[in-house]
N, C-alpha and C. Protein backbone atom coordinates (compact mmCIF):
# COMPACT_ATOMS: atom_id res chain seq x y z
N MET A 1 -1.12 11.84 -21.07
CA MET A 1 -0.50 12.99 -20.46
C MET A 1 0.02 12.67 -19.05
N TYR A 2 -0.76 11.94 -18.27
CA TYR A 2 -0.37 11.63 -16.90
C TYR A 2 0.61 10.47 -16.81
N ARG A 3 0.89 9.83 -17.93
CA ARG A 3 1.79 8.67 -17.91
C ARG A 3 3.20 9.04 -17.45
N ILE A 4 3.51 10.32 -17.54
CA ILE A 4 4.82 10.79 -17.07
C ILE A 4 4.97 10.57 -15.55
N LEU A 5 3.86 10.33 -14.86
CA LEU A 5 3.88 10.11 -13.41
C LEU A 5 4.16 8.65 -13.01
N ILE A 6 4.22 7.75 -13.99
CA ILE A 6 4.42 6.33 -13.67
C ILE A 6 5.72 6.13 -12.90
N GLU A 7 6.81 6.61 -13.42
CA GLU A 7 8.12 6.43 -12.77
C GLU A 7 8.17 7.13 -11.40
N PRO A 8 7.69 8.37 -11.28
CA PRO A 8 7.68 8.98 -9.94
C PRO A 8 6.84 8.21 -8.92
N TYR A 9 5.71 7.65 -9.36
CA TYR A 9 4.91 6.84 -8.43
C TYR A 9 5.68 5.59 -8.02
N LYS A 10 6.36 4.96 -8.96
CA LYS A 10 7.17 3.77 -8.64
C LYS A 10 8.27 4.14 -7.66
N GLU A 11 8.98 5.23 -7.93
CA GLU A 11 10.05 5.66 -7.05
C GLU A 11 9.52 6.02 -5.66
N THR A 12 8.33 6.60 -5.62
CA THR A 12 7.70 6.91 -4.33
C THR A 12 7.42 5.62 -3.56
N ALA A 13 6.92 4.62 -4.25
CA ALA A 13 6.66 3.33 -3.60
C ALA A 13 7.94 2.75 -3.02
N LEU A 14 8.99 2.73 -3.80
CA LEU A 14 10.26 2.16 -3.33
C LEU A 14 10.84 2.96 -2.16
N ARG A 15 10.72 4.27 -2.25
CA ARG A 15 11.22 5.13 -1.17
C ARG A 15 10.45 4.87 0.14
N HIS A 16 9.15 4.71 0.04
CA HIS A 16 8.36 4.47 1.25
C HIS A 16 8.60 3.07 1.82
N LEU A 17 8.95 2.12 0.98
CA LEU A 17 9.37 0.82 1.51
C LEU A 17 10.66 0.96 2.32
N ASP A 18 11.58 1.76 1.80
CA ASP A 18 12.83 2.01 2.54
C ASP A 18 12.54 2.70 3.88
N MET A 19 11.63 3.69 3.86
CA MET A 19 11.27 4.38 5.10
C MET A 19 10.64 3.40 6.09
N ALA A 20 9.79 2.52 5.59
CA ALA A 20 9.16 1.52 6.46
C ALA A 20 10.21 0.62 7.10
N ASP A 21 11.19 0.21 6.32
CA ASP A 21 12.27 -0.62 6.87
C ASP A 21 13.01 0.10 7.99
N ILE A 22 13.34 1.35 7.76
CA ILE A 22 14.08 2.13 8.76
C ILE A 22 13.25 2.31 10.02
N LEU A 23 12.00 2.69 9.86
CA LEU A 23 11.14 2.90 11.02
C LEU A 23 10.91 1.61 11.80
N LEU A 24 10.75 0.51 11.10
CA LEU A 24 10.54 -0.77 11.78
C LEU A 24 11.79 -1.16 12.57
N SER A 25 12.95 -0.91 12.01
CA SER A 25 14.19 -1.27 12.70
C SER A 25 14.48 -0.37 13.90
N THR A 26 13.83 0.78 13.97
CA THR A 26 14.03 1.69 15.11
C THR A 26 12.84 1.71 16.04
N LYS A 27 12.02 0.68 15.97
CA LYS A 27 10.89 0.46 16.88
C LYS A 27 9.74 1.46 16.72
N PHE A 28 9.61 2.03 15.53
CA PHE A 28 8.47 2.87 15.20
C PHE A 28 7.59 2.11 14.21
N HIS A 29 7.09 0.96 14.66
CA HIS A 29 6.35 0.08 13.76
C HIS A 29 5.05 0.70 13.26
N ASP A 30 4.43 1.59 14.05
CA ASP A 30 3.21 2.24 13.59
C ASP A 30 3.52 3.17 12.41
N GLY A 31 4.64 3.87 12.47
CA GLY A 31 5.07 4.70 11.34
C GLY A 31 5.42 3.85 10.13
N ALA A 32 6.06 2.72 10.38
CA ALA A 32 6.40 1.80 9.29
C ALA A 32 5.14 1.31 8.60
N ALA A 33 4.10 1.04 9.39
CA ALA A 33 2.84 0.56 8.82
C ALA A 33 2.24 1.60 7.87
N PHE A 34 2.29 2.86 8.26
CA PHE A 34 1.77 3.90 7.37
C PHE A 34 2.57 3.95 6.07
N HIS A 35 3.88 3.88 6.17
CA HIS A 35 4.71 3.97 4.96
C HIS A 35 4.56 2.75 4.06
N LEU A 36 4.37 1.58 4.63
CA LEU A 36 4.17 0.42 3.76
C LEU A 36 2.84 0.52 3.04
N TYR A 37 1.83 1.08 3.71
CA TYR A 37 0.56 1.31 3.03
C TYR A 37 0.75 2.31 1.89
N HIS A 38 1.48 3.38 2.15
CA HIS A 38 1.68 4.40 1.11
C HIS A 38 2.45 3.82 -0.08
N ALA A 39 3.40 2.93 0.20
CA ALA A 39 4.13 2.26 -0.89
C ALA A 39 3.17 1.43 -1.73
N TYR A 40 2.28 0.72 -1.06
CA TYR A 40 1.29 -0.12 -1.74
C TYR A 40 0.39 0.73 -2.65
N GLU A 41 -0.11 1.80 -2.08
CA GLU A 41 -1.00 2.66 -2.86
C GLU A 41 -0.26 3.35 -4.02
N SER A 42 0.98 3.72 -3.80
CA SER A 42 1.75 4.38 -4.86
C SER A 42 2.01 3.45 -6.04
N ILE A 43 2.33 2.19 -5.77
CA ILE A 43 2.58 1.26 -6.87
C ILE A 43 1.28 0.96 -7.61
N ILE A 44 0.16 0.99 -6.90
CA ILE A 44 -1.13 0.82 -7.55
C ILE A 44 -1.40 1.99 -8.49
N CYS A 45 -1.05 3.19 -8.06
CA CYS A 45 -1.22 4.36 -8.93
C CYS A 45 -0.36 4.24 -10.18
N ALA A 46 0.88 3.80 -10.02
CA ALA A 46 1.75 3.60 -11.18
C ALA A 46 1.14 2.59 -12.14
N ALA A 47 0.60 1.51 -11.60
CA ALA A 47 -0.03 0.48 -12.44
C ALA A 47 -1.25 1.02 -13.17
N LEU A 48 -2.08 1.79 -12.47
CA LEU A 48 -3.27 2.36 -13.11
C LEU A 48 -2.89 3.31 -14.22
N LEU A 49 -1.84 4.09 -14.01
CA LEU A 49 -1.39 5.02 -15.05
C LEU A 49 -0.81 4.28 -16.25
N LYS A 50 -0.23 3.14 -16.00
CA LYS A 50 0.35 2.33 -17.09
C LYS A 50 -0.73 1.72 -17.98
N ARG A 51 -1.87 1.40 -17.39
CA ARG A 51 -2.95 0.72 -18.10
C ARG A 51 -4.08 1.67 -18.44
N GLN A 52 -4.53 1.65 -19.66
CA GLN A 52 -5.70 2.45 -20.06
C GLN A 52 -6.96 1.71 -19.65
N PRO A 53 -8.12 2.30 -19.55
CA PRO A 53 -8.50 3.66 -19.94
C PRO A 53 -8.33 4.70 -18.84
N TYR A 54 -7.66 4.35 -17.73
CA TYR A 54 -7.53 5.29 -16.62
C TYR A 54 -6.21 6.03 -16.71
N ASN A 55 -6.26 7.27 -17.16
CA ASN A 55 -5.05 8.05 -17.30
C ASN A 55 -4.59 8.66 -15.99
N MET A 56 -5.54 8.96 -15.11
CA MET A 56 -5.20 9.56 -13.83
C MET A 56 -5.84 8.72 -12.72
N PRO A 57 -5.04 8.30 -11.74
CA PRO A 57 -5.62 7.47 -10.69
C PRO A 57 -6.62 8.27 -9.84
N PRO A 58 -7.63 7.61 -9.31
CA PRO A 58 -8.59 8.29 -8.44
C PRO A 58 -7.92 8.73 -7.15
N LEU A 59 -8.54 9.66 -6.46
CA LEU A 59 -7.93 10.21 -5.25
C LEU A 59 -8.29 9.45 -3.98
N ALA A 60 -9.50 8.96 -3.87
CA ALA A 60 -9.92 8.28 -2.64
C ALA A 60 -9.22 6.92 -2.50
N HIS A 61 -8.78 6.61 -1.29
CA HIS A 61 -8.03 5.38 -1.06
C HIS A 61 -8.78 4.12 -1.50
N PRO A 62 -9.99 3.88 -1.01
CA PRO A 62 -10.69 2.65 -1.42
C PRO A 62 -10.98 2.61 -2.92
N THR A 63 -11.21 3.77 -3.52
CA THR A 63 -11.50 3.82 -4.95
C THR A 63 -10.29 3.36 -5.75
N LYS A 64 -9.10 3.78 -5.37
CA LYS A 64 -7.88 3.34 -6.06
C LYS A 64 -7.75 1.83 -6.00
N LEU A 65 -7.95 1.29 -4.80
CA LEU A 65 -7.76 -0.14 -4.62
C LEU A 65 -8.80 -0.94 -5.40
N ASN A 66 -10.04 -0.49 -5.38
CA ASN A 66 -11.09 -1.17 -6.14
C ASN A 66 -10.89 -1.03 -7.64
N ARG A 67 -10.47 0.13 -8.08
CA ARG A 67 -10.23 0.34 -9.50
C ARG A 67 -9.11 -0.57 -9.99
N PHE A 68 -8.08 -0.74 -9.18
CA PHE A 68 -6.99 -1.64 -9.54
C PHE A 68 -7.52 -3.04 -9.79
N LEU A 69 -8.36 -3.53 -8.89
CA LEU A 69 -8.93 -4.87 -9.05
C LEU A 69 -9.75 -4.97 -10.33
N HIS A 70 -10.47 -3.91 -10.66
CA HIS A 70 -11.29 -3.90 -11.88
C HIS A 70 -10.42 -3.85 -13.14
N VAL A 71 -9.48 -2.93 -13.17
CA VAL A 71 -8.65 -2.73 -14.36
C VAL A 71 -7.79 -3.95 -14.65
N PHE A 72 -7.31 -4.61 -13.62
CA PHE A 72 -6.41 -5.75 -13.80
C PHE A 72 -7.12 -7.09 -13.58
N SER A 73 -8.42 -7.11 -13.75
CA SER A 73 -9.21 -8.31 -13.46
C SER A 73 -8.74 -9.55 -14.22
N LYS A 74 -8.13 -9.39 -15.38
CA LYS A 74 -7.67 -10.54 -16.16
C LYS A 74 -6.28 -11.02 -15.75
N ASP A 75 -5.59 -10.25 -14.95
CA ASP A 75 -4.27 -10.63 -14.47
C ASP A 75 -4.44 -11.23 -13.07
N THR A 76 -4.68 -12.54 -13.04
CA THR A 76 -5.04 -13.19 -11.78
C THR A 76 -3.96 -13.08 -10.71
N ARG A 77 -2.69 -13.10 -11.11
CA ARG A 77 -1.62 -12.98 -10.10
C ARG A 77 -1.69 -11.63 -9.39
N LEU A 78 -1.85 -10.56 -10.15
CA LEU A 78 -1.93 -9.23 -9.54
C LEU A 78 -3.19 -9.07 -8.71
N VAL A 79 -4.30 -9.53 -9.26
CA VAL A 79 -5.58 -9.38 -8.57
C VAL A 79 -5.60 -10.19 -7.28
N MET A 80 -5.13 -11.41 -7.33
CA MET A 80 -5.12 -12.25 -6.12
C MET A 80 -4.22 -11.63 -5.04
N ALA A 81 -3.06 -11.17 -5.44
CA ALA A 81 -2.13 -10.56 -4.48
C ALA A 81 -2.73 -9.30 -3.87
N SER A 82 -3.33 -8.48 -4.70
CA SER A 82 -3.94 -7.24 -4.22
C SER A 82 -5.17 -7.51 -3.36
N ALA A 83 -6.00 -8.42 -3.79
CA ALA A 83 -7.23 -8.73 -3.05
C ALA A 83 -6.92 -9.26 -1.65
N LYS A 84 -5.79 -9.95 -1.51
CA LYS A 84 -5.39 -10.47 -0.20
C LYS A 84 -4.84 -9.36 0.70
N LEU A 85 -4.34 -8.30 0.11
CA LEU A 85 -3.72 -7.23 0.89
C LEU A 85 -4.64 -6.05 1.17
N SER A 86 -5.39 -5.63 0.18
CA SER A 86 -6.13 -4.36 0.26
C SER A 86 -6.98 -4.18 1.51
N PRO A 87 -7.87 -5.11 1.85
CA PRO A 87 -8.72 -4.85 3.02
C PRO A 87 -7.92 -4.72 4.31
N TYR A 88 -6.88 -5.52 4.45
CA TYR A 88 -6.07 -5.49 5.66
C TYR A 88 -5.23 -4.21 5.73
N LEU A 89 -4.67 -3.82 4.60
CA LEU A 89 -3.82 -2.64 4.60
C LEU A 89 -4.61 -1.36 4.81
N LEU A 90 -5.81 -1.28 4.26
CA LEU A 90 -6.64 -0.09 4.47
C LEU A 90 -7.01 0.02 5.95
N ASN A 91 -7.36 -1.09 6.56
CA ASN A 91 -7.66 -1.11 7.98
C ASN A 91 -6.42 -0.75 8.81
N LEU A 92 -5.30 -1.33 8.43
CA LEU A 92 -4.04 -1.05 9.12
C LEU A 92 -3.70 0.43 9.05
N ARG A 93 -3.84 1.01 7.88
CA ARG A 93 -3.56 2.43 7.69
C ARG A 93 -4.39 3.28 8.65
N ASN A 94 -5.66 3.00 8.72
CA ASN A 94 -6.54 3.78 9.58
C ASN A 94 -6.19 3.61 11.06
N ARG A 95 -5.82 2.41 11.45
CA ARG A 95 -5.53 2.14 12.87
C ARG A 95 -4.23 2.78 13.34
N VAL A 96 -3.27 2.97 12.45
CA VAL A 96 -2.00 3.57 12.87
C VAL A 96 -1.97 5.08 12.71
N LEU A 97 -3.02 5.66 12.20
CA LEU A 97 -3.06 7.11 12.05
C LEU A 97 -3.65 7.82 13.26
N TYR A 98 -4.67 7.24 13.85
CA TYR A 98 -5.41 7.94 14.90
C TYR A 98 -5.68 7.03 16.09
N PRO A 99 -5.72 7.61 17.29
CA PRO A 99 -6.14 6.81 18.45
C PRO A 99 -7.60 6.39 18.29
N GLU A 100 -7.92 5.22 18.84
CA GLU A 100 -9.29 4.71 18.79
C GLU A 100 -9.86 4.64 20.20
N LEU A 101 -11.14 4.85 20.30
CA LEU A 101 -11.84 4.67 21.57
C LEU A 101 -12.71 3.43 21.43
N ARG A 102 -12.41 2.42 22.26
CA ARG A 102 -13.17 1.17 22.24
C ARG A 102 -13.59 0.83 23.66
N SER A 103 -14.88 0.85 23.90
CA SER A 103 -15.42 0.50 25.22
C SER A 103 -14.67 1.22 26.34
N SER A 104 -14.59 2.50 26.25
CA SER A 104 -13.92 3.35 27.25
C SER A 104 -12.42 3.14 27.36
N THR A 105 -11.85 2.44 26.40
CA THR A 105 -10.40 2.22 26.37
C THR A 105 -9.83 2.92 25.14
N VAL A 106 -8.76 3.64 25.34
CA VAL A 106 -8.09 4.31 24.22
C VAL A 106 -6.98 3.41 23.71
N ILE A 107 -6.98 3.18 22.42
CA ILE A 107 -5.93 2.39 21.78
C ILE A 107 -5.11 3.35 20.92
N VAL A 108 -3.87 3.57 21.32
CA VAL A 108 -3.00 4.47 20.57
C VAL A 108 -2.44 3.72 19.36
N PRO A 109 -2.04 4.45 18.30
CA PRO A 109 -1.56 3.79 17.09
C PRO A 109 -0.44 2.77 17.32
N SER A 110 0.47 3.06 18.22
CA SER A 110 1.59 2.13 18.44
C SER A 110 1.13 0.82 19.08
N ALA A 111 -0.04 0.82 19.71
CA ALA A 111 -0.57 -0.41 20.32
C ALA A 111 -1.61 -1.09 19.44
N ALA A 112 -1.99 -0.44 18.37
CA ALA A 112 -3.05 -0.97 17.51
C ALA A 112 -2.58 -2.15 16.66
N VAL A 113 -1.28 -2.25 16.47
CA VAL A 113 -0.72 -3.31 15.64
C VAL A 113 0.66 -3.64 16.20
N SER A 114 1.05 -4.90 16.09
CA SER A 114 2.36 -5.31 16.62
C SER A 114 3.46 -5.14 15.57
N ALA A 115 4.67 -5.08 16.04
CA ALA A 115 5.82 -4.99 15.14
C ALA A 115 5.89 -6.24 14.24
N ARG A 116 5.53 -7.37 14.78
CA ARG A 116 5.54 -8.61 13.99
C ARG A 116 4.52 -8.55 12.85
N GLN A 117 3.33 -8.01 13.13
CA GLN A 117 2.33 -7.86 12.08
C GLN A 117 2.83 -6.91 10.99
N VAL A 118 3.43 -5.81 11.41
CA VAL A 118 3.95 -4.85 10.44
C VAL A 118 5.05 -5.49 9.59
N GLN A 119 5.93 -6.25 10.21
CA GLN A 119 6.98 -6.94 9.47
C GLN A 119 6.38 -7.88 8.42
N ASN A 120 5.35 -8.59 8.80
CA ASN A 120 4.66 -9.50 7.88
C ASN A 120 4.07 -8.73 6.70
N TYR A 121 3.36 -7.66 6.99
CA TYR A 121 2.76 -6.87 5.91
C TYR A 121 3.83 -6.21 5.04
N LEU A 122 4.90 -5.76 5.65
CA LEU A 122 5.98 -5.14 4.88
C LEU A 122 6.55 -6.13 3.88
N SER A 123 6.77 -7.33 4.32
CA SER A 123 7.28 -8.38 3.43
C SER A 123 6.30 -8.63 2.27
N ARG A 124 5.03 -8.70 2.58
CA ARG A 124 4.02 -8.95 1.55
C ARG A 124 3.89 -7.78 0.58
N VAL A 125 4.00 -6.57 1.08
CA VAL A 125 3.92 -5.40 0.20
C VAL A 125 5.16 -5.33 -0.70
N LYS A 126 6.32 -5.65 -0.18
CA LYS A 126 7.53 -5.68 -1.02
C LYS A 126 7.35 -6.68 -2.17
N GLN A 127 6.81 -7.84 -1.87
CA GLN A 127 6.57 -8.84 -2.90
C GLN A 127 5.59 -8.31 -3.94
N PHE A 128 4.54 -7.64 -3.47
CA PHE A 128 3.54 -7.09 -4.39
C PHE A 128 4.15 -6.01 -5.27
N VAL A 129 4.92 -5.12 -4.69
CA VAL A 129 5.56 -4.04 -5.46
C VAL A 129 6.46 -4.66 -6.53
N ASN A 130 7.25 -5.65 -6.17
CA ASN A 130 8.11 -6.31 -7.15
C ASN A 130 7.30 -7.01 -8.24
N LEU A 131 6.20 -7.62 -7.87
CA LEU A 131 5.32 -8.28 -8.83
C LEU A 131 4.77 -7.27 -9.85
N VAL A 132 4.34 -6.12 -9.36
CA VAL A 132 3.81 -5.08 -10.25
C VAL A 132 4.90 -4.54 -11.15
N ILE A 133 6.05 -4.24 -10.60
CA ILE A 133 7.16 -3.68 -11.39
C ILE A 133 7.58 -4.64 -12.49
N THR A 134 7.78 -5.90 -12.14
CA THR A 134 8.23 -6.86 -13.15
C THR A 134 7.10 -7.26 -14.09
N GLY A 135 5.90 -7.44 -13.55
CA GLY A 135 4.78 -7.89 -14.37
C GLY A 135 4.32 -6.87 -15.39
N LEU A 136 4.43 -5.59 -15.04
CA LEU A 136 3.98 -4.52 -15.95
C LEU A 136 5.14 -3.80 -16.63
N GLY A 137 6.33 -4.17 -16.28
CA GLY A 137 7.48 -3.49 -16.89
C GLY A 137 7.57 -2.02 -16.51
N ILE A 138 7.29 -1.76 -15.27
CA ILE A 138 7.32 -0.36 -14.81
C ILE A 138 8.73 -0.03 -14.35
């Protein structure tokens, strides 16, 4: 029943990659970081919906990422690519959403990560999204 959401999740992923590109080019790299994370998570949802026994992706962020690794454990290319990205992207997502207090110093989202780091992650997420789309025929 939920398989009808596969294409919308894929389109959401692609749209958020485009948003990340635009934000990065206009010096809003913290916003780009959030959108590249959302693209990553959206393509994972599409993949989970494509593969049984999970008809509906879980709601919690870490649960989705861990479930993906479990469901696709036999697809080493997907698992290796995701395992290399997930911990960093989840941390990145959290750092660009809210200011942090560290030893009496406030770190605002725009200072929490550099534009170069975001560009690197954006490139890696684009590769992952393409790998999922082509590998699963989404």
